[in-house]
PDB file of N, CA and C in Angstrom:
ATOM      1  N   UNK A   1      29.145   0.311 -12.591  1.00  0.00           N
ATOM      2  CA  UNK A   1      29.195   0.458 -14.025  1.00  0.00           C
ATOM      3  C   UNK A   1      30.535   1.087 -14.386  1.00  0.00           C
ATOM      4  N   UNK A   2      31.209   0.508 -15.374  1.00  0.00           N
ATOM      5  CA  UNK A   2      32.505   1.026 -15.798  1.00  0.00           C
ATOM      6  C   UNK A   2      32.321   2.247 -16.688  1.00  0.00           C
ATOM      7  N   UNK A   3      33.422   2.971 -16.920  1.00  0.00           N
ATOM      8  CA  UNK A   3      33.371   4.144 -17.792  1.00  0.00           C
ATOM      9  C   UNK A   3      32.934   3.741 -19.197  1.00  0.00           C
ATOM     10  N   UNK A   4      33.411   2.613 -19.659  1.00  0.00           N
ATOM     11  CA  UNK A   4      33.029   2.133 -20.995  1.00  0.00           C
ATOM     12  C   UNK A   4      31.534   1.828 -21.053  1.00  0.00           C
ATOM     13  N   UNK A   5      30.997   1.228 -20.011  1.00  0.00           N
ATOM     14  CA  UNK A   5      29.565   0.931 -19.973  1.00  0.00           C
ATOM     15  C   UNK A   5      28.737   2.204 -19.957  1.00  0.00           C
ATOM     16  N   UNK A   6      29.223   3.246 -19.256  1.00  0.00           N
ATOM     17  CA  UNK A   6      28.491   4.512 -19.201  1.00  0.00           C
ATOM     18  C   UNK A   6      28.395   5.161 -20.580  1.00  0.00           C
ATOM     19  N   UNK A   7      29.393   4.932 -21.429  1.00  0.00           N
ATOM     20  CA  UNK A   7      29.409   5.533 -22.762  1.00  0.00           C
ATOM     21  C   UNK A   7      28.622   4.720 -23.784  1.00  0.00           C
ATOM     22  N   UNK A   8      28.325   3.480 -23.478  1.00  0.00           N
ATOM     23  CA  UNK A   8      27.648   2.593 -24.427  1.00  0.00           C
ATOM     24  C   UNK A   8      26.166   2.942 -24.526  1.00  0.00           C
ATOM     25  N   UNK A   9      25.616   2.701 -25.717  1.00  0.00           N
ATOM     26  CA  UNK A   9      24.182   2.874 -25.943  1.00  0.00           C
ATOM     27  C   UNK A   9      23.477   1.603 -25.457  1.00  0.00           C
ATOM     28  N   UNK A  10      22.608   1.712 -24.462  1.00  0.00           N
ATOM     29  CA  UNK A  10      21.952   0.519 -23.912  1.00  0.00           C
ATOM     30  C   UNK A  10      21.203  -0.315 -24.954  1.00  0.00           C
ATOM     31  N   UNK A  11      20.552   0.341 -25.894  1.00  0.00           N
ATOM     32  CA  UNK A  11      19.814  -0.405 -26.924  1.00  0.00           C
ATOM     33  C   UNK A  11      20.792  -1.177 -27.805  1.00  0.00           C
ATOM     34  N   UNK A  12      21.917  -0.556 -28.131  1.00  0.00           N
ATOM     35  CA  UNK A  12      22.917  -1.245 -28.949  1.00  0.00           C
ATOM     36  C   UNK A  12      23.513  -2.430 -28.188  1.00  0.00           C
ATOM     37  N   UNK A  13      23.719  -2.272 -26.898  1.00  0.00           N
ATOM     38  CA  UNK A  13      24.224  -3.381 -26.083  1.00  0.00           C
ATOM     39  C   UNK A  13      23.216  -4.531 -26.093  1.00  0.00           C
ATOM     40  N   UNK A  14      21.944  -4.207 -25.979  1.00  0.00           N
ATOM     41  CA  UNK A  14      20.897  -5.228 -26.014  1.00  0.00           C
ATOM     42  C   UNK A  14      20.863  -5.917 -27.376  1.00  0.00           C
ATOM     43  N   UNK A  15      20.974  -5.134 -28.426  1.00  0.00           N
ATOM     44  CA  UNK A  15      21.022  -5.722 -29.779  1.00  0.00           C
ATOM     45  C   UNK A  15      22.188  -6.693 -29.903  1.00  0.00           C
ATOM     46  N   UNK A  16      23.355  -6.247 -29.449  1.00  0.00           N
ATOM     47  CA  UNK A  16      24.553  -7.078 -29.561  1.00  0.00           C
ATOM     48  C   UNK A  16      24.420  -8.351 -28.735  1.00  0.00           C
ATOM     49  N   UNK A  17      23.817  -8.254 -27.578  1.00  0.00           N
ATOM     50  CA  UNK A  17      23.607  -9.447 -26.751  1.00  0.00           C
ATOM     51  C   UNK A  17      22.737 -10.464 -27.489  1.00  0.00           C
ATOM     52  N   UNK A  18      21.730  -9.971 -28.202  1.00  0.00           N
ATOM     53  CA  UNK A  18      20.868 -10.865 -28.990  1.00  0.00           C
ATOM     54  C   UNK A  18      21.646 -11.452 -30.159  1.00  0.00           C
ATOM     55  N   UNK A  19      22.426 -10.614 -30.841  1.00  0.00           N
ATOM     56  CA  UNK A  19      23.225 -11.079 -31.983  1.00  0.00           C
ATOM     57  C   UNK A  19      24.151 -12.216 -31.558  1.00  0.00           C
ATOM     58  N   UNK A  20      24.689 -12.122 -30.361  1.00  0.00           N
ATOM     59  CA  UNK A  20      25.593 -13.164 -29.881  1.00  0.00           C
ATOM     60  C   UNK A  20      24.845 -14.389 -29.356  1.00  0.00           C
ATOM     61  N   UNK A  21      23.688 -14.191 -28.757  1.00  0.00           N
ATOM     62  CA  UNK A  21      22.961 -15.305 -28.140  1.00  0.00           C
ATOM     63  C   UNK A  21      22.160 -16.135 -29.135  1.00  0.00           C
ATOM     64  N   UNK A  22      21.479 -15.479 -30.044  1.00  0.00           N
ATOM     65  CA  UNK A  22      20.522 -16.175 -30.907  1.00  0.00           C
ATOM     66  C   UNK A  22      21.150 -17.293 -31.742  1.00  0.00           C
ATOM     67  N   UNK A  23      22.270 -17.056 -32.431  1.00  0.00           N
ATOM     68  CA  UNK A  23      22.841 -18.162 -33.215  1.00  0.00           C
ATOM     69  C   UNK A  23      23.253 -19.360 -32.357  1.00  0.00           C
ATOM     70  N   UNK A  24      23.743 -19.089 -31.170  1.00  0.00           N
ATOM     71  CA  UNK A  24      24.139 -20.194 -30.287  1.00  0.00           C
ATOM     72  C   UNK A  24      22.919 -20.992 -29.844  1.00  0.00           C
ATOM     73  N   UNK A  25      21.831 -20.301 -29.557  1.00  0.00           N
ATOM     74  CA  UNK A  25      20.606 -21.005 -29.166  1.00  0.00           C
ATOM     75  C   UNK A  25      20.031 -21.788 -30.339  1.00  0.00           C
ATOM     76  N   UNK A  26      20.086 -21.208 -31.535  1.00  0.00           N
ATOM     77  CA  UNK A  26      19.588 -21.915 -32.714  1.00  0.00           C
ATOM     78  C   UNK A  26      20.428 -23.155 -32.998  1.00  0.00           C
ATOM     79  N   UNK A  27      21.728 -23.074 -32.749  1.00  0.00           N
ATOM     80  CA  UNK A  27      22.603 -24.223 -32.947  1.00  0.00           C
ATOM     81  C   UNK A  27      22.283 -25.330 -31.956  1.00  0.00           C
ATOM     82  N   UNK A  28      22.107 -24.957 -30.689  1.00  0.00           N
ATOM     83  CA  UNK A  28      21.793 -25.981 -29.690  1.00  0.00           C
ATOM     84  C   UNK A  28      20.425 -26.593 -29.968  1.00  0.00           C
ATOM     85  N   UNK A  29      19.505 -25.792 -30.462  1.00  0.00           N
ATOM     86  CA  UNK A  29      18.179 -26.305 -30.833  1.00  0.00           C
ATOM     87  C   UNK A  29      18.313 -27.322 -31.957  1.00  0.00           C
ATOM     88  N   UNK A  30      19.095 -26.984 -32.970  1.00  0.00           N
ATOM     89  CA  UNK A  30      19.304 -27.867 -34.107  1.00  0.00           C
ATOM     90  C   UNK A  30      20.017 -29.149 -33.677  1.00  0.00           C
ATOM     91  N   UNK A  31      21.061 -28.995 -32.865  1.00  0.00           N
ATOM     92  CA  UNK A  31      21.805 -30.161 -32.384  1.00  0.00           C
ATOM     93  C   UNK A  31      20.916 -31.084 -31.568  1.00  0.00           C
ATOM     94  N   UNK A  32      20.093 -30.516 -30.715  1.00  0.00           N
ATOM     95  CA  UNK A  32      19.211 -31.322 -29.868  1.00  0.00           C
ATOM     96  C   UNK A  32      18.193 -32.079 -30.708  1.00  0.00           C
ATOM     97  N   UNK A  33      17.723 -31.466 -31.779  1.00  0.00           N
ATOM     98  CA  UNK A  33      16.747 -32.127 -32.646  1.00  0.00           C
ATOM     99  C   UNK A  33      17.379 -33.262 -33.440  1.00  0.00           C
ATOM    100  N   UNK A  34      18.669 -33.116 -33.779  1.00  0.00           N
ATOM    101  CA  UNK A  34      19.344 -34.124 -34.588  1.00  0.00           C
ATOM    102  C   UNK A  34      19.829 -35.310 -33.766  1.00  0.00           C
ATOM    103  N   UNK A  35      20.151 -35.075 -32.511  1.00  0.00           N
ATOM    104  CA  UNK A  35      20.665 -36.143 -31.663  1.00  0.00           C
ATOM    105  C   UNK A  35      19.513 -36.948 -31.079  1.00  0.00           C
ATOM    106  N   UNK A  36      19.819 -38.162 -30.748  1.00  0.00           N
ATOM    107  CA  UNK A  36      18.796 -38.957 -30.076  1.00  0.00           C
ATOM    108  C   UNK A  36      18.597 -38.409 -28.679  1.00  0.00           C
ATOM    109  N   UNK A  37      17.395 -38.558 -28.190  1.00  0.00           N
ATOM    110  CA  UNK A  37      17.119 -38.044 -26.853  1.00  0.00           C
ATOM    111  C   UNK A  37      17.878 -38.870 -25.828  1.00  0.00           C
ATOM    112  N   UNK A  38      18.257 -38.213 -24.783  1.00  0.00           N
ATOM    113  CA  UNK A  38      18.979 -38.898 -23.720  1.00  0.00           C
ATOM    114  C   UNK A  38      19.571 -37.901 -22.755  1.00  0.00           C
ATOM    115  N   UNK A  39      20.146 -38.437 -21.710  1.00  0.00           N
ATOM    116  CA  UNK A  39      20.689 -37.598 -20.650  1.00  0.00           C
ATOM    117  C   UNK A  39      21.802 -36.689 -21.170  1.00  0.00           C
ATOM    118  N   UNK A  40      22.707 -37.210 -21.988  1.00  0.00           N
ATOM    119  CA  UNK A  40      23.815 -36.397 -22.483  1.00  0.00           C
ATOM    120  C   UNK A  40      23.318 -35.228 -23.319  1.00  0.00           C
ATOM    121  N   UNK A  41      22.313 -35.463 -24.138  1.00  0.00           N
ATOM    122  CA  UNK A  41      21.744 -34.394 -24.955  1.00  0.00           C
ATOM    123  C   UNK A  41      21.106 -33.334 -24.072  1.00  0.00           C
ATOM    124  N   UNK A  42      20.336 -33.755 -23.102  1.00  0.00           N
ATOM    125  CA  UNK A  42      19.688 -32.806 -22.196  1.00  0.00           C
ATOM    126  C   UNK A  42      20.721 -32.001 -21.424  1.00  0.00           C
ATOM    127  N   UNK A  43      21.768 -32.652 -20.971  1.00  0.00           N
ATOM    128  CA  UNK A  43      22.823 -31.949 -20.241  1.00  0.00           C
ATOM    129  C   UNK A  43      23.535 -30.948 -21.143  1.00  0.00           C
ATOM    130  N   UNK A  44      23.792 -31.342 -22.387  1.00  0.00           N
ATOM    131  CA  UNK A  44      24.456 -30.454 -23.333  1.00  0.00           C
ATOM    132  C   UNK A  44      23.599 -29.224 -23.604  1.00  0.00           C
ATOM    133  N   UNK A  45      22.318 -29.433 -23.815  1.00  0.00           N
ATOM    134  CA  UNK A  45      21.402 -28.316 -24.066  1.00  0.00           C
ATOM    135  C   UNK A  45      21.357 -27.400 -22.854  1.00  0.00           C
ATOM    136  N   UNK A  46      21.217 -27.976 -21.678  1.00  0.00           N
ATOM    137  CA  UNK A  46      21.151 -27.177 -20.453  1.00  0.00           C
ATOM    138  C   UNK A  46      22.424 -26.376 -20.248  1.00  0.00           C
ATOM    139  N   UNK A  47      23.559 -27.000 -20.449  1.00  0.00           N
ATOM    140  CA  UNK A  47      24.840 -26.307 -20.268  1.00  0.00           C
ATOM    141  C   UNK A  47      24.985 -25.147 -21.250  1.00  0.00           C
ATOM    142  N   UNK A  48      24.648 -25.377 -22.498  1.00  0.00           N
ATOM    143  CA  UNK A  48      24.763 -24.319 -23.501  1.00  0.00           C
ATOM    144  C   UNK A  48      23.790 -23.187 -23.218  1.00  0.00           C
ATOM    145  N   UNK A  49      22.551 -23.525 -22.903  1.00  0.00           N
ATOM    146  CA  UNK A  49      21.550 -22.496 -22.595  1.00  0.00           C
ATOM    147  C   UNK A  49      22.002 -21.668 -21.399  1.00  0.00           C
ATOM    148  N   UNK A  50      22.499 -22.317 -20.360  1.00  0.00           N
ATOM    149  CA  UNK A  50      22.970 -21.584 -19.186  1.00  0.00           C
ATOM    150  C   UNK A  50      24.129 -20.655 -19.530  1.00  0.00           C
ATOM    151  N   UNK A  51      25.048 -21.116 -20.360  1.00  0.00           N
ATOM    152  CA  UNK A  51      26.181 -20.290 -20.772  1.00  0.00           C
ATOM    153  C   UNK A  51      25.708 -19.076 -21.560  1.00  0.00           C
ATOM    154  N   UNK A  52      24.777 -19.290 -22.473  1.00  0.00           N
ATOM    155  CA  UNK A  52      24.239 -18.192 -23.287  1.00  0.00           C
ATOM    156  C   UNK A  52      23.501 -17.186 -22.409  1.00  0.00           C
ATOM    157  N   UNK A  53      22.667 -17.671 -21.508  1.00  0.00           N
ATOM    158  CA  UNK A  53      21.915 -16.767 -20.630  1.00  0.00           C
ATOM    159  C   UNK A  53      22.839 -15.968 -19.722  1.00  0.00           C
ATOM    160  N   UNK A  54      23.885 -16.594 -19.235  1.00  0.00           N
ATOM    161  CA  UNK A  54      24.831 -15.890 -18.375  1.00  0.00           C
ATOM    162  C   UNK A  54      25.540 -14.783 -19.150  1.00  0.00           C
ATOM    163  N   UNK A  55      25.991 -15.085 -20.362  1.00  0.00           N
ATOM    164  CA  UNK A  55      26.661 -14.066 -21.181  1.00  0.00           C
ATOM    165  C   UNK A  55      25.706 -12.923 -21.517  1.00  0.00           C
ATOM    166  N   UNK A  56      24.475 -13.258 -21.859  1.00  0.00           N
ATOM    167  CA  UNK A  56      23.473 -12.239 -22.184  1.00  0.00           C
ATOM    168  C   UNK A  56      23.233 -11.338 -20.974  1.00  0.00           C
ATOM    169  N   UNK A  57      23.049 -11.959 -19.831  1.00  0.00           N
ATOM    170  CA  UNK A  57      22.765 -11.204 -18.611  1.00  0.00           C
ATOM    171  C   UNK A  57      23.937 -10.314 -18.226  1.00  0.00           C
ATOM    172  N   UNK A  58      25.144 -10.830 -18.337  1.00  0.00           N
ATOM    173  CA  UNK A  58      26.330 -10.019 -18.023  1.00  0.00           C
ATOM    174  C   UNK A  58      26.420  -8.797 -18.924  1.00  0.00           C
ATOM    175  N   UNK A  59      26.070  -8.961 -20.175  1.00  0.00           N
ATOM    176  CA  UNK A  59      26.151  -7.834 -21.115  1.00  0.00           C
ATOM    177  C   UNK A  59      25.053  -6.813 -20.869  1.00  0.00           C
ATOM    178  N   UNK A  60      23.836  -7.270 -20.660  1.00  0.00           N
ATOM    179  CA  UNK A  60      22.687  -6.364 -20.604  1.00  0.00           C
ATOM    180  C   UNK A  60      22.351  -5.847 -19.206  1.00  0.00           C
ATOM    181  N   UNK A  61      22.702  -6.586 -18.176  1.00  0.00           N
ATOM    182  CA  UNK A  61      22.301  -6.218 -16.811  1.00  0.00           C
ATOM    183  C   UNK A  61      22.705  -4.809 -16.391  1.00  0.00           C
ATOM    184  N   UNK A  62      23.904  -4.332 -16.728  1.00  0.00           N
ATOM    185  CA  UNK A  62      24.259  -2.974 -16.302  1.00  0.00           C
ATOM    186  C   UNK A  62      23.326  -1.897 -16.858  1.00  0.00           C
ATOM    187  N   UNK A  63      22.569  -2.236 -17.882  1.00  0.00           N
ATOM    188  CA  UNK A  63      21.697  -1.266 -18.541  1.00  0.00           C
ATOM    189  C   UNK A  63      20.224  -1.520 -18.264  1.00  0.00           C
ATOM    190  N   UNK A  64      19.936  -2.471 -17.397  1.00  0.00           N
ATOM    191  CA  UNK A  64      18.555  -2.861 -17.137  1.00  0.00           C
ATOM    192  C   UNK A  64      17.661  -1.721 -16.696  1.00  0.00           C
ATOM    193  N   UNK A  65      18.120  -0.915 -15.764  1.00  0.00           N
ATOM    194  CA  UNK A  65      17.292   0.195 -15.273  1.00  0.00           C
ATOM    195  C   UNK A  65      17.028   1.228 -16.360  1.00  0.00           C
ATOM    196  N   UNK A  66      18.069   1.564 -17.121  1.00  0.00           N
ATOM    197  CA  UNK A  66      17.884   2.553 -18.183  1.00  0.00           C
ATOM    198  C   UNK A  66      16.969   2.016 -19.278  1.00  0.00           C
ATOM    199  N   UNK A  67      17.132   0.761 -19.638  1.00  0.00           N
ATOM    200  CA  UNK A  67      16.257   0.166 -20.653  1.00  0.00           C
ATOM    201  C   UNK A  67      14.810   0.138 -20.174  1.00  0.00           C
ATOM    202  N   UNK A  68      14.602  -0.216 -18.918  1.00  0.00           N
ATOM    203  CA  UNK A  68      13.243  -0.242 -18.363  1.00  0.00           C
ATOM    204  C   UNK A  68      12.629   1.154 -18.360  1.00  0.00           C
ATOM    205  N   UNK A  69      13.429   2.161 -18.013  1.00  0.00           N
ATOM    206  CA  UNK A  69      12.922   3.538 -17.998  1.00  0.00           C
ATOM    207  C   UNK A  69      12.558   4.001 -19.403  1.00  0.00           C
ATOM    208  N   UNK A  70      13.409   3.678 -20.365  1.00  0.00           N
ATOM    209  CA  UNK A  70      13.106   4.057 -21.755  1.00  0.00           C
ATOM    210  C   UNK A  70      11.855   3.338 -22.255  1.00  0.00           C
ATOM    211  N   UNK A  71      11.742   2.064 -21.932  1.00  0.00           N
ATOM    212  CA  UNK A  71      10.573   1.283 -22.365  1.00  0.00           C
ATOM    213  C   UNK A  71       9.301   1.839 -21.744  1.00  0.00           C
ATOM    214  N   UNK A  72       9.379   2.290 -20.507  1.00  0.00           N
ATOM    215  CA  UNK A  72       8.201   2.834 -19.815  1.00  0.00           C
ATOM    216  C   UNK A  72       7.717   4.135 -20.447  1.00  0.00           C
ATOM    217  N   UNK A  73       8.600   4.851 -21.125  1.00  0.00           N
ATOM    218  CA  UNK A  73       8.210   6.094 -21.789  1.00  0.00           C
ATOM    219  C   UNK A  73       7.287   5.834 -22.969  1.00  0.00           C
ATOM    220  N   UNK A  74       7.416   4.670 -23.594  1.00  0.00           N
ATOM    221  CA  UNK A  74       6.555   4.265 -24.712  1.00  0.00           C
ATOM    222  C   UNK A  74       6.138   2.811 -24.481  1.00  0.00           C
ATOM    223  N   UNK A  75       5.130   2.590 -23.650  1.00  0.00           N
ATOM    224  CA  UNK A  75       4.750   1.223 -23.272  1.00  0.00           C
ATOM    225  C   UNK A  75       4.428   0.291 -24.443  1.00  0.00           C
ATOM    226  N   UNK A  76       3.923   0.808 -25.524  1.00  0.00           N
ATOM    227  CA  UNK A  76       3.615  -0.041 -26.675  1.00  0.00           C
ATOM    228  C   UNK A  76       4.659   0.055 -27.771  1.00  0.00           C
ATOM    229  N   UNK A  77       5.756   0.724 -27.480  1.00  0.00           N
ATOM    230  CA  UNK A  77       6.786   0.952 -28.485  1.00  0.00           C
ATOM    231  C   UNK A  77       7.688  -0.248 -28.704  1.00  0.00           C
ATOM    232  N   UNK A  78       8.596  -0.116 -29.668  1.00  0.00           N
ATOM    233  CA  UNK A  78       9.473  -1.231 -30.018  1.00  0.00           C
ATOM    234  C   UNK A  78      10.346  -1.728 -28.862  1.00  0.00           C
ATOM    235  N   UNK A  79      10.876  -0.819 -28.054  1.00  0.00           N
ATOM    236  CA  UNK A  79      11.737  -1.260 -26.953  1.00  0.00           C
ATOM    237  C   UNK A  79      10.939  -2.036 -25.913  1.00  0.00           C
ATOM    238  N   UNK A  80       9.784  -1.528 -25.537  1.00  0.00           N
ATOM    239  CA  UNK A  80       8.945  -2.232 -24.560  1.00  0.00           C
ATOM    240  C   UNK A  80       8.516  -3.595 -25.100  1.00  0.00           C
ATOM    241  N   UNK A  81       8.170  -3.636 -26.372  1.00  0.00           N
ATOM    242  CA  UNK A  81       7.762  -4.899 -26.988  1.00  0.00           C
ATOM    243  C   UNK A  81       8.931  -5.873 -27.037  1.00  0.00           C
ATOM    244  N   UNK A  82      10.108  -5.369 -27.404  1.00  0.00           N
ATOM    245  CA  UNK A  82      11.302  -6.220 -27.446  1.00  0.00           C
ATOM    246  C   UNK A  82      11.609  -6.799 -26.073  1.00  0.00           C
ATOM    247  N   UNK A  83      11.504  -5.972 -25.053  1.00  0.00           N
ATOM    248  CA  UNK A  83      11.788  -6.455 -23.701  1.00  0.00           C
ATOM    249  C   UNK A  83      10.763  -7.498 -23.259  1.00  0.00           C
ATOM    250  N   UNK A  84       9.532  -7.349 -23.699  1.00  0.00           N
ATOM    251  CA  UNK A  84       8.507  -8.348 -23.405  1.00  0.00           C
ATOM    252  C   UNK A  84       8.852  -9.680 -24.075  1.00  0.00           C
ATOM    253  N   UNK A  85       9.280  -9.607 -25.332  1.00  0.00           N
ATOM    254  CA  UNK A  85       9.697 -10.828 -26.033  1.00  0.00           C
ATOM    255  C   UNK A  85      10.894 -11.474 -25.338  1.00  0.00           C
ATOM    256  N   UNK A  86      11.823 -10.658 -24.857  1.00  0.00           N
ATOM    257  CA  UNK A  86      12.990 -11.213 -24.176  1.00  0.00           C
ATOM    258  C   UNK A  86      12.605 -11.876 -22.854  1.00  0.00           C
ATOM    259  N   UNK A  87      11.670 -11.283 -22.131  1.00  0.00           N
ATOM    260  CA  UNK A  87      11.185 -11.926 -20.904  1.00  0.00           C
ATOM    261  C   UNK A  87      10.570 -13.285 -21.234  1.00  0.00           C
ATOM    262  N   UNK A  88       9.805 -13.330 -22.322  1.00  0.00           N
ATOM    263  CA  UNK A  88       9.205 -14.591 -22.754  1.00  0.00           C
ATOM    264  C   UNK A  88      10.290 -15.602 -23.124  1.00  0.00           C
ATOM    265  N   UNK A  89      11.311 -15.146 -23.842  1.00  0.00           N
ATOM    266  CA  UNK A  89      12.406 -16.040 -24.239  1.00  0.00           C
ATOM    267  C   UNK A  89      13.100 -16.628 -23.014  1.00  0.00           C
ATOM    268  N   UNK A  90      13.391 -15.779 -22.035  1.00  0.00           N
ATOM    269  CA  UNK A  90      14.062 -16.261 -20.830  1.00  0.00           C
ATOM    270  C   UNK A  90      13.175 -17.246 -20.074  1.00  0.00           C
ATOM    271  N   UNK A  91      11.892 -16.968 -19.982  1.00  0.00           N
ATOM    272  CA  UNK A  91      10.970 -17.880 -19.296  1.00  0.00           C
ATOM    273  C   UNK A  91      10.930 -19.229 -20.006  1.00  0.00           C
ATOM    274  N   UNK A  92      10.914 -19.209 -21.314  1.00  0.00           N
ATOM    275  CA  UNK A  92      10.879 -20.462 -22.076  1.00  0.00           C
ATOM    276  C   UNK A  92      12.189 -21.232 -21.931  1.00  0.00           C
ATOM    277  N   UNK A  93      13.310 -20.505 -21.947  1.00  0.00           N
ATOM    278  CA  UNK A  93      14.596 -21.172 -21.779  1.00  0.00           C
ATOM    279  C   UNK A  93      14.718 -21.799 -20.394  1.00  0.00           C
ATOM    280  N   UNK A  94      14.121 -21.168 -19.414  1.00  0.00           N
ATOM    281  CA  UNK A  94      14.167 -21.707 -18.049  1.00  0.00           C
ATOM    282  C   UNK A  94      13.476 -23.058 -17.951  1.00  0.00           C
ATOM    283  N   UNK A  95      12.546 -23.319 -18.860  1.00  0.00           N
ATOM    284  CA  UNK A  95      11.850 -24.607 -18.863  1.00  0.00           C
ATOM    285  C   UNK A  95      12.371 -25.538 -19.954  1.00  0.00           C
ATOM    286  N   UNK A  96      13.442 -25.118 -20.645  1.00  0.00           N
ATOM    287  CA  UNK A  96      14.042 -25.956 -21.674  1.00  0.00           C
ATOM    288  C   UNK A  96      13.343 -25.915 -23.013  1.00  0.00           C
ATOM    289  N   UNK A  97      12.500 -24.936 -23.224  1.00  0.00           N
ATOM    290  CA  UNK A  97      11.730 -24.810 -24.462  1.00  0.00           C
ATOM    291  C   UNK A  97      12.494 -23.908 -25.438  1.00  0.00           C
ATOM    292  N   UNK A  98      13.519 -24.457 -26.084  1.00  0.00           N
ATOM    293  CA  UNK A  98      14.476 -23.665 -26.854  1.00  0.00           C
ATOM    294  C   UNK A  98      13.870 -23.074 -28.123  1.00  0.00           C
ATOM    295  N   UNK A  99      13.115 -23.842 -28.874  1.00  0.00           N
ATOM    296  CA  UNK A  99      12.592 -23.356 -30.154  1.00  0.00           C
ATOM    297  C   UNK A  99      11.712 -22.113 -30.004  1.00  0.00           C
ATOM    298  N   UNK A 100      10.699 -22.122 -29.134  1.00  0.00           N
ATOM    299  CA  UNK A 100       9.909 -20.899 -28.961  1.00  0.00           C
ATOM    300  C   UNK A 100      10.729 -19.748 -28.378  1.00  0.00           C
ATOM    301  N   UNK A 101      11.735 -20.074 -27.580  1.00  0.00           N
ATOM    302  CA  UNK A 101      12.605 -19.023 -27.038  1.00  0.00           C
ATOM    303  C   UNK A 101      13.372 -18.339 -28.161  1.00  0.00           C
ATOM    304  N   UNK A 102      13.846 -19.124 -29.123  1.00  0.00           N
ATOM    305  CA  UNK A 102      14.548 -18.542 -30.277  1.00  0.00           C
ATOM    306  C   UNK A 102      13.611 -17.634 -31.067  1.00  0.00           C
ATOM    307  N   UNK A 103      12.380 -18.062 -31.229  1.00  0.00           N
ATOM    308  CA  UNK A 103      11.396 -17.242 -31.937  1.00  0.00           C
ATOM    309  C   UNK A 103      11.170 -15.925 -31.207  1.00  0.00           C
ATOM    310  N   UNK A 104      11.003 -15.987 -29.897  1.00  0.00           N
ATOM    311  CA  UNK A 104      10.790 -14.765 -29.114  1.00  0.00           C
ATOM    312  C   UNK A 104      11.996 -13.842 -29.194  1.00  0.00           C
ATOM    313  N   UNK A 105      13.195 -14.422 -29.157  1.00  0.00           N
ATOM    314  CA  UNK A 105      14.399 -13.601 -29.233  1.00  0.00           C
ATOM    315  C   UNK A 105      14.526 -12.956 -30.615  1.00  0.00           C
ATOM    316  N   UNK A 106      14.180 -13.687 -31.660  1.00  0.00           N
ATOM    317  CA  UNK A 106      14.212 -13.123 -33.013  1.00  0.00           C
ATOM    318  C   UNK A 106      13.189 -11.996 -33.156  1.00  0.00           C
ATOM    319  N   UNK A 107      12.029 -12.156 -32.549  1.00  0.00           N
ATOM    320  CA  UNK A 107      11.017 -11.093 -32.573  1.00  0.00           C
ATOM    321  C   UNK A 107      11.508  -9.862 -31.814  1.00  0.00           C
ATOM    322  N   UNK A 108      12.205 -10.071 -30.711  1.00  0.00           N
ATOM    323  CA  UNK A 108      12.787  -8.946 -29.964  1.00  0.00           C
ATOM    324  C   UNK A 108      13.806  -8.215 -30.828  1.00  0.00           C
ATOM    325  N   UNK A 109      14.618  -8.974 -31.530  1.00  0.00           N
ATOM    326  CA  UNK A 109      15.616  -8.384 -32.421  1.00  0.00           C
ATOM    327  C   UNK A 109      14.943  -7.539 -33.498  1.00  0.00           C
ATOM    328  N   UNK A 110      13.875  -8.042 -34.060  1.00  0.00           N
ATOM    329  CA  UNK A 110      13.133  -7.310 -35.083  1.00  0.00           C
ATOM    330  C   UNK A 110      12.573  -6.002 -34.528  1.00  0.00           C
ATOM    331  N   UNK A 111      12.036  -6.046 -33.329  1.00  0.00           N
ATOM    332  CA  UNK A 111      11.510  -4.826 -32.693  1.00  0.00           C
ATOM    333  C   UNK A 111      12.618  -3.802 -32.471  1.00  0.00           C
ATOM    334  N   UNK A 112      13.772  -4.264 -32.006  1.00  0.00           N
ATOM    335  CA  UNK A 112      14.887  -3.342 -31.762  1.00  0.00           C
ATOM    336  C   UNK A 112      15.388  -2.718 -33.058  1.00  0.00           C
ATOM    337  N   UNK A 113      15.305  -3.457 -34.143  1.00  0.00           N
ATOM    338  CA  UNK A 113      15.736  -2.918 -35.438  1.00  0.00           C
ATOM    339  C   UNK A 113      14.849  -1.771 -35.903  1.00  0.00           C
ATOM    340  N   UNK A 114      13.646  -1.674 -35.377  1.00  0.00           N
ATOM    341  CA  UNK A 114      12.752  -0.564 -35.724  1.00  0.00           C
ATOM    342  C   UNK A 114      13.208   0.752 -35.100  1.00  0.00           C
ATOM    343  N   UNK A 115      14.108   0.676 -34.150  1.00  0.00           N
ATOM    344  CA  UNK A 115      14.565   1.877 -33.456  1.00  0.00           C
ATOM    345  C   UNK A 115      15.635   2.637 -34.231  1.00  0.00           C
ATOM    346  N   UNK A 116      16.079   2.105 -35.337  1.00  0.00           N
ATOM    347  CA  UNK A 116      17.103   2.800 -36.149  1.00  0.00           C
ATOM    348  C   UNK A 116      16.545   4.010 -36.832  1.00  0.00           C
TER     349      UNK A 116
END
């Protein structure tokens, strides 16, 4: 973990990762719905989803242990709920189910906003 990462607020990093990921996923969802189905569309969706997931993981991974510890302190709290929604989003994205993944990510964002 870098010095800058040590100074960052893990919840804020998670929020920012969602802020950056969600619009890109919503765009790929919209594009996929507008285009005719086919190999190129599926490849485009897969490539974009993989890029978004990689960026999200790179941003949030250094804080995973701290976020998990904080969530464990309040199992039914907003952070724990947000992390549950994010796990659901990642699972759905792994199967190419972009629309429900966007919904789960938006719900996670809403939960994190309760922490202000």
